[in-house]
Structures are given as C-alpha cells and as structure tokens.
Amino acid sequence: MSSRNVLKLQQSVQASQAVCAAAGGWKLAAGEAVTLRAHTPGVLEIAQGRVWLTLGGSLANLPGTAADHVLQAGERLAVAPGQHVVMEAWNPSGGPDAAAFRWEAATPPATAPTASAIARDWDCAVAQPLRDLVHALAQGGRAMGAAVVMWRTRAGGVLLAWRGLWGIA
C-alpha cells in the first residue's frame, strides 16, 4: 500500500521541492516544515538528522498526546488516526541541517479465528452443501417412486386392455 494512501502530507513552499529520500520517506531541509495528517495508525521514524515536532489532533485532549518532541535518527513515534504532526528539521549545534523521515502504516496483528467463525465456515463449506445434497436425493427418490407407480399403473392398464382384446380372462 502506498504511504500516500494512508497519510496526507502538506509541505511548506520550500519543502515542496525536496527530493524523496526513499520509498515511503521524505527529506526535510533546514527552514522547511511539514504537516502529516494520519488517516490510519502508523509510525513516524526519523531516518537522518534531528526534527522538532508537535503532535496534536483528535487525541490532543488525552494526557501526553499533545506535546512537542525532539526526535533524532533511529527514533520512532506512534501516530493514531486523526492526529497530526507538524515538524521541521532542527539542529541547534550547527551540524547538518537536513533530516529525513519515513512513514509506516501500522498493520493490525493477525488474529486466530474464533470458534464461532470456524463453526460458521464449516457450516457454509460442509454442512449446508450436505443438507442440500440430502434434500436433492430425497426429491429424486420421491420422483423415482412416483414414476414407478405411474409406470405400473399404466402397464397394468395396458395389460388389462390386451387381455380384454384377446379374450383372456
């Protein structure tokens, strides 16, 4: 899934000319700011340099969710749907001013099927087709029985007609 499908990215005028650092990643030069708006849960990882960011959004009223953070290369920050991050490259020591970051959409953990889901799947895949087969065989048996009765009745009538025609008692 492309990161652009799960994350709305708004960059400042200067940042709009930044070169993508890698797939799912962006570069951020000194003086550039970027706003990330998460539509799904994900993780923001700083790949290079240091950034100063403010986390806010729909969860801002929860303790510890609306705050400023300074993250450096290798550090990660979980972002929930509805939250937004405003960040800029930051290096007070005068070193390299550029930063690079990646966005990774969180994948839900795989869950084991519940007993009711297994029972429902078995019912749909095995039990229902078996019930349908039994019903069809029963209808076929009734049809065959009706055909035999009809044949015997007609055959008996034909036999009586032949007997009468030939004068056999």
C-alpha atoms as a PDB file:
ATOM      1  CA  MET A   1       0.000   0.000   0.000  1.00  0.00           C
ATOM      2  CA  SER A   2       1.398   3.381  -0.894  1.00  0.00           C
ATOM      3  CA  SER A   3       2.074   5.696   2.041  1.00  0.00           C
ATOM      4  CA  ARG A   4       0.224   8.458   0.210  1.00  0.00           C
ATOM      5  CA  ASN A   5      -2.985   6.433   0.569  1.00  0.00           C
ATOM      6  CA  VAL A   6      -2.786   6.439   4.339  1.00  0.00           C
ATOM      7  CA  LEU A   7      -1.116   9.751   5.090  1.00  0.00           C
ATOM      8  CA  LYS A   8      -1.903  13.267   3.932  1.00  0.00           C
ATOM      9  CA  LEU A   9       1.320  15.225   3.573  1.00  0.00           C
ATOM     10  CA  GLN A  10       1.413  19.033   3.429  1.00  0.00           C
ATOM     11  CA  GLN A  11       4.798  20.658   2.948  1.00  0.00           C
ATOM     12  CA  SER A  12       5.921  24.243   3.108  1.00  0.00           C
ATOM     13  CA  VAL A  13       6.768  26.047  -0.149  1.00  0.00           C
ATOM     14  CA  GLN A  14      10.477  25.240   0.143  1.00  0.00           C
ATOM     15  CA  ALA A  15       9.816  21.645   1.179  1.00  0.00           C
ATOM     16  CA  SER A  16       7.658  21.001  -1.860  1.00  0.00           C
ATOM     17  CA  GLN A  17      10.885  20.904  -3.873  1.00  0.00           C
ATOM     18  CA  ALA A  18      12.524  18.353  -1.549  1.00  0.00           C
ATOM     19  CA  VAL A  19      13.639  15.047  -3.004  1.00  0.00           C
ATOM     20  CA  CYS A  20      12.131  11.820  -1.679  1.00  0.00           C
ATOM     21  CA  ALA A  21      14.746  10.077   0.481  1.00  0.00           C
ATOM     22  CA  ALA A  22      13.428   6.556  -0.161  1.00  0.00           C
ATOM     23  CA  ALA A  23      10.187   4.729  -0.768  1.00  0.00           C
ATOM     24  CA  GLY A  24       7.823   5.937   1.945  1.00  0.00           C
ATOM     25  CA  GLY A  25      10.369   8.567   3.039  1.00  0.00           C
ATOM     26  CA  TRP A  26      10.953  12.287   2.605  1.00  0.00           C
ATOM     27  CA  LYS A  27      13.793  14.750   3.115  1.00  0.00           C
ATOM     28  CA  LEU A  28      13.335  17.896   5.133  1.00  0.00           C
ATOM     29  CA  ALA A  29      15.869  20.733   4.731  1.00  0.00           C
ATOM     30  CA  ALA A  30      16.568  23.451   7.294  1.00  0.00           C
ATOM     31  CA  GLY A  31      13.783  26.005   7.451  1.00  0.00           C
ATOM     32  CA  GLU A  32      11.222  23.635   5.942  1.00  0.00           C
ATOM     33  CA  ALA A  33       8.148  22.480   7.777  1.00  0.00           C
ATOM     34  CA  VAL A  34       5.819  19.608   7.012  1.00  0.00           C
ATOM     35  CA  THR A  35       2.383  18.641   8.331  1.00  0.00           C
ATOM     36  CA  LEU A  36       1.409  14.991   8.419  1.00  0.00           C
ATOM     37  CA  ARG A  37      -2.256  14.040   8.912  1.00  0.00           C
ATOM     38  CA  ALA A  38      -2.717  10.351   9.706  1.00  0.00           C
ATOM     39  CA  HIS A  39      -5.802   8.584   8.362  1.00  0.00           C
ATOM     40  CA  THR A  40      -4.685   5.210   9.737  1.00  0.00           C
ATOM     41  CA  PRO A  41      -2.434   4.294  12.659  1.00  0.00           C
ATOM     42  CA  GLY A  42       1.229   4.412  11.817  1.00  0.00           C
ATOM     43  CA  VAL A  43       4.762   5.088  12.936  1.00  0.00           C
ATOM     44  CA  LEU A  44       6.904   8.096  12.057  1.00  0.00           C
ATOM     45  CA  GLU A  45      10.599   7.187  12.018  1.00  0.00           C
ATOM     46  CA  ILE A  46      13.456   9.656  11.746  1.00  0.00           C
ATOM     47  CA  ALA A  47      15.937   8.213   9.270  1.00  0.00           C
ATOM     48  CA  GLN A  48      18.534  11.017   9.305  1.00  0.00           C
ATOM     49  CA  GLY A  49      19.219  14.161  11.324  1.00  0.00           C
ATOM     50  CA  ARG A  50      17.001  15.603  14.033  1.00  0.00           C
ATOM     51  CA  VAL A  51      13.496  17.095  13.961  1.00  0.00           C
ATOM     52  CA  TRP A  52      11.366  19.164  16.270  1.00  0.00           C
ATOM     53  CA  LEU A  53       7.731  18.206  16.044  1.00  0.00           C
ATOM     54  CA  THR A  54       4.392  18.957  17.619  1.00  0.00           C
ATOM     55  CA  LEU A  55       1.848  16.169  17.888  1.00  0.00           C
ATOM     56  CA  GLY A  56      -1.816  17.164  18.052  1.00  0.00           C
ATOM     57  CA  GLY A  57      -5.217  16.356  16.632  1.00  0.00           C
ATOM     58  CA  SER A  58      -8.322  14.483  17.697  1.00  0.00           C
ATOM     59  CA  LEU A  59      -6.485  12.814  20.603  1.00  0.00           C
ATOM     60  CA  ALA A  60      -4.993  16.104  21.849  1.00  0.00           C
ATOM     61  CA  ASN A  61      -7.294  16.118  24.877  1.00  0.00           C
ATOM     62  CA  LEU A  62      -5.729  12.904  26.220  1.00  0.00           C
ATOM     63  CA  PRO A  63      -2.816  13.365  28.640  1.00  0.00           C
ATOM     64  CA  GLY A  64       0.566  13.297  26.921  1.00  0.00           C
ATOM     65  CA  THR A  65      -0.749  13.302  23.349  1.00  0.00           C
ATOM     66  CA  ALA A  66      -0.425  16.997  22.500  1.00  0.00           C
ATOM     67  CA  ALA A  67       3.231  17.801  23.030  1.00  0.00           C
ATOM     68  CA  ASP A  68       6.463  18.929  21.463  1.00  0.00           C
ATOM     69  CA  HIS A  69       9.090  16.283  20.791  1.00  0.00           C
ATOM     70  CA  VAL A  70      12.666  16.308  19.550  1.00  0.00           C
ATOM     71  CA  LEU A  71      13.499  13.105  17.698  1.00  0.00           C
ATOM     72  CA  GLN A  72      16.796  12.073  16.144  1.00  0.00           C
ATOM     73  CA  ALA A  73      17.846   9.379  13.689  1.00  0.00           C
ATOM     74  CA  GLY A  74      16.531   5.959  14.674  1.00  0.00           C
ATOM     75  CA  GLU A  75      13.764   7.225  16.971  1.00  0.00           C
ATOM     76  CA  ARG A  76      10.122   6.460  16.263  1.00  0.00           C
ATOM     77  CA  LEU A  77       6.779   7.989  17.231  1.00  0.00           C
ATOM     78  CA  ALA A  78       3.410   6.211  17.042  1.00  0.00           C
ATOM     79  CA  VAL A  79       0.667   8.344  15.468  1.00  0.00           C
ATOM     80  CA  ALA A  80      -3.023   7.471  15.799  1.00  0.00           C
ATOM     81  CA  PRO A  81      -5.713   8.141  13.159  1.00  0.00           C
ATOM     82  CA  GLY A  82      -6.912  11.746  13.372  1.00  0.00           C
ATOM     83  CA  GLN A  83      -3.672  13.012  14.877  1.00  0.00           C
ATOM     84  CA  HIS A  84      -1.401  15.368  13.017  1.00  0.00           C
ATOM     85  CA  VAL A  85       2.289  16.126  13.251  1.00  0.00           C
ATOM     86  CA  VAL A  86       3.951  19.426  12.387  1.00  0.00           C
ATOM     87  CA  MET A  87       7.724  19.072  12.152  1.00  0.00           C
ATOM     88  CA  GLU A  88      10.818  20.800  10.932  1.00  0.00           C
ATOM     89  CA  ALA A  89      14.474  19.890  10.656  1.00  0.00           C
ATOM     90  CA  TRP A  90      16.260  21.101  13.781  1.00  0.00           C
ATOM     91  CA  ASN A  91      19.923  21.161  14.677  1.00  0.00           C
ATOM     92  CA  PRO A  92      20.912  23.724  17.293  1.00  0.00           C
ATOM     93  CA  SER A  93      24.568  22.598  17.264  1.00  0.00           C
ATOM     94  CA  GLY A  94      25.118  23.793  13.686  1.00  0.00           C
ATOM     95  CA  GLY A  95      25.718  20.338  12.151  1.00  0.00           C
ATOM     96  CA  PRO A  96      23.940  19.066   9.037  1.00  0.00           C
ATOM     97  CA  ASP A  97      20.542  20.719   8.960  1.00  0.00           C
ATOM     98  CA  ALA A  98      18.727  18.247   6.701  1.00  0.00           C
ATOM     99  CA  ALA A  99      16.564  15.500   8.114  1.00  0.00           C
ATOM    100  CA  ALA A 100      14.838  12.527   6.537  1.00  0.00           C
ATOM    101  CA  PHE A 101      11.834  10.628   7.822  1.00  0.00           C
ATOM    102  CA  ARG A 102       9.698   7.621   6.927  1.00  0.00           C
ATOM    103  CA  TRP A 103       6.039   6.828   7.493  1.00  0.00           C
ATOM    104  CA  GLU A 104       4.994   3.215   8.043  1.00  0.00           C
ATOM    105  CA  ALA A 105       1.312   2.364   8.272  1.00  0.00           C
ATOM    106  CA  ALA A 106       0.696   0.004  11.164  1.00  0.00           C
ATOM    107  CA  THR A 107      -0.664  -3.387  10.206  1.00  0.00           C
ATOM    108  CA  PRO A 108      -3.190  -4.967  12.546  1.00  0.00           C
ATOM    109  CA  PRO A 109      -1.921  -8.082  14.302  1.00  0.00           C
ATOM    110  CA  ALA A 110      -3.091 -11.371  12.845  1.00  0.00           C
ATOM    111  CA  THR A 111      -5.748 -12.952  14.997  1.00  0.00           C
ATOM    112  CA  ALA A 112      -6.667 -16.597  15.311  1.00  0.00           C
ATOM    113  CA  PRO A 113     -10.166 -17.433  14.111  1.00  0.00           C
ATOM    114  CA  THR A 114     -12.744 -17.761  16.870  1.00  0.00           C
ATOM    115  CA  ALA A 115     -14.709 -20.946  17.486  1.00  0.00           C
ATOM    116  CA  SER A 116     -17.867 -19.324  16.121  1.00  0.00           C
ATOM    117  CA  ALA A 117     -16.034 -18.286  12.927  1.00  0.00           C
ATOM    118  CA  ILE A 118     -14.716 -21.828  12.480  1.00  0.00           C
ATOM    119  CA  ALA A 119     -18.204 -23.258  13.066  1.00  0.00           C
ATOM    120  CA  ARG A 120     -19.721 -20.777  10.591  1.00  0.00           C
ATOM    121  CA  ASP A 121     -17.097 -21.611   7.964  1.00  0.00           C
ATOM    122  CA  TRP A 122     -17.650 -25.357   8.467  1.00  0.00           C
ATOM    123  CA  ASP A 123     -21.412 -24.903   8.225  1.00  0.00           C
ATOM    124  CA  CYS A 124     -21.074 -22.909   4.981  1.00  0.00           C
ATOM    125  CA  ALA A 125     -18.451 -25.170   3.417  1.00  0.00           C
ATOM    126  CA  VAL A 126     -19.588 -28.637   4.543  1.00  0.00           C
ATOM    127  CA  ALA A 127     -22.885 -28.852   6.393  1.00  0.00           C
ATOM    128  CA  GLN A 128     -25.047 -26.723   4.092  1.00  0.00           C
ATOM    129  CA  PRO A 129     -23.904 -28.456   0.867  1.00  0.00           C
ATOM    130  CA  LEU A 130     -24.513 -31.815   2.603  1.00  0.00           C
ATOM    131  CA  ARG A 131     -28.049 -30.738   3.593  1.00  0.00           C
ATOM    132  CA  ASP A 132     -28.661 -29.604   0.013  1.00  0.00           C
ATOM    133  CA  LEU A 133     -27.440 -32.964  -1.329  1.00  0.00           C
ATOM    134  CA  VAL A 134     -29.688 -34.944   1.049  1.00  0.00           C
ATOM    135  CA  HIS A 135     -32.662 -32.767   0.069  1.00  0.00           C
ATOM    136  CA  ALA A 136     -31.943 -33.275  -3.645  1.00  0.00           C
ATOM    137  CA  LEU A 137     -31.578 -37.052  -3.217  1.00  0.00           C
ATOM    138  CA  ALA A 138     -34.863 -37.206  -1.303  1.00  0.00           C
ATOM    139  CA  GLN A 139     -36.644 -35.289  -4.065  1.00  0.00           C
ATOM    140  CA  GLY A 140     -35.076 -37.601  -6.654  1.00  0.00           C
ATOM    141  CA  GLY A 141     -36.236 -40.650  -4.676  1.00  0.00           C
ATOM    142  CA  ARG A 142     -39.791 -39.295  -4.466  1.00  0.00           C
ATOM    143  CA  ALA A 143     -39.781 -38.572  -8.204  1.00  0.00           C
ATOM    144  CA  MET A 144     -38.496 -42.094  -8.944  1.00  0.00           C
ATOM    145  CA  GLY A 145     -41.190 -43.626  -6.721  1.00  0.00           C
ATOM    146  CA  ALA A 146     -43.889 -41.602  -8.467  1.00  0.00           C
ATOM    147  CA  ALA A 147     -42.551 -42.721 -11.859  1.00  0.00           C
ATOM    148  CA  VAL A 148     -42.596 -46.387 -10.825  1.00  0.00           C
ATOM    149  CA  VAL A 149     -46.172 -46.100  -9.545  1.00  0.00           C
ATOM    150  CA  MET A 150     -47.225 -44.343 -12.731  1.00  0.00           C
ATOM    151  CA  TRP A 151     -45.489 -46.964 -14.893  1.00  0.00           C
ATOM    152  CA  ARG A 152     -47.083 -49.860 -13.001  1.00  0.00           C
ATOM    153  CA  THR A 153     -50.495 -48.230 -13.261  1.00  0.00           C
ATOM    154  CA  ARG A 154     -50.141 -47.652 -16.987  1.00  0.00           C
ATOM    155  CA  ALA A 155     -48.569 -51.035 -17.547  1.00  0.00           C
ATOM    156  CA  GLY A 156     -51.403 -52.684 -15.626  1.00  0.00           C
ATOM    157  CA  GLY A 157     -53.961 -50.798 -17.682  1.00  0.00           C
ATOM    158  CA  VAL A 158     -52.276 -51.788 -20.913  1.00  0.00           C
ATOM    159  CA  LEU A 159     -52.140 -55.406 -19.748  1.00  0.00           C
ATOM    160  CA  LEU A 160     -55.841 -55.395 -18.950  1.00  0.00           C
ATOM    161  CA  ALA A 161     -56.588 -53.859 -22.337  1.00  0.00           C
ATOM    162  CA  TRP A 162     -54.598 -56.597 -24.084  1.00  0.00           C
ATOM    163  CA  ARG A 163     -56.350 -59.280 -22.075  1.00  0.00           C
ATOM    164  CA  GLY A 164     -59.710 -57.872 -22.999  1.00  0.00           C
ATOM    165  CA  LEU A 165     -58.757 -57.634 -26.625  1.00  0.00           C
ATOM    166  CA  TRP A 166     -57.682 -61.239 -26.864  1.00  0.00           C
ATOM    167  CA  GLY A 167     -60.396 -62.540 -24.630  1.00  0.00           C
ATOM    168  CA  ILE A 168     -58.067 -63.757 -21.934  1.00  0.00           C
ATOM    169  CA  ALA A 169     -59.627 -63.914 -18.509  1.00  0.00           C
END
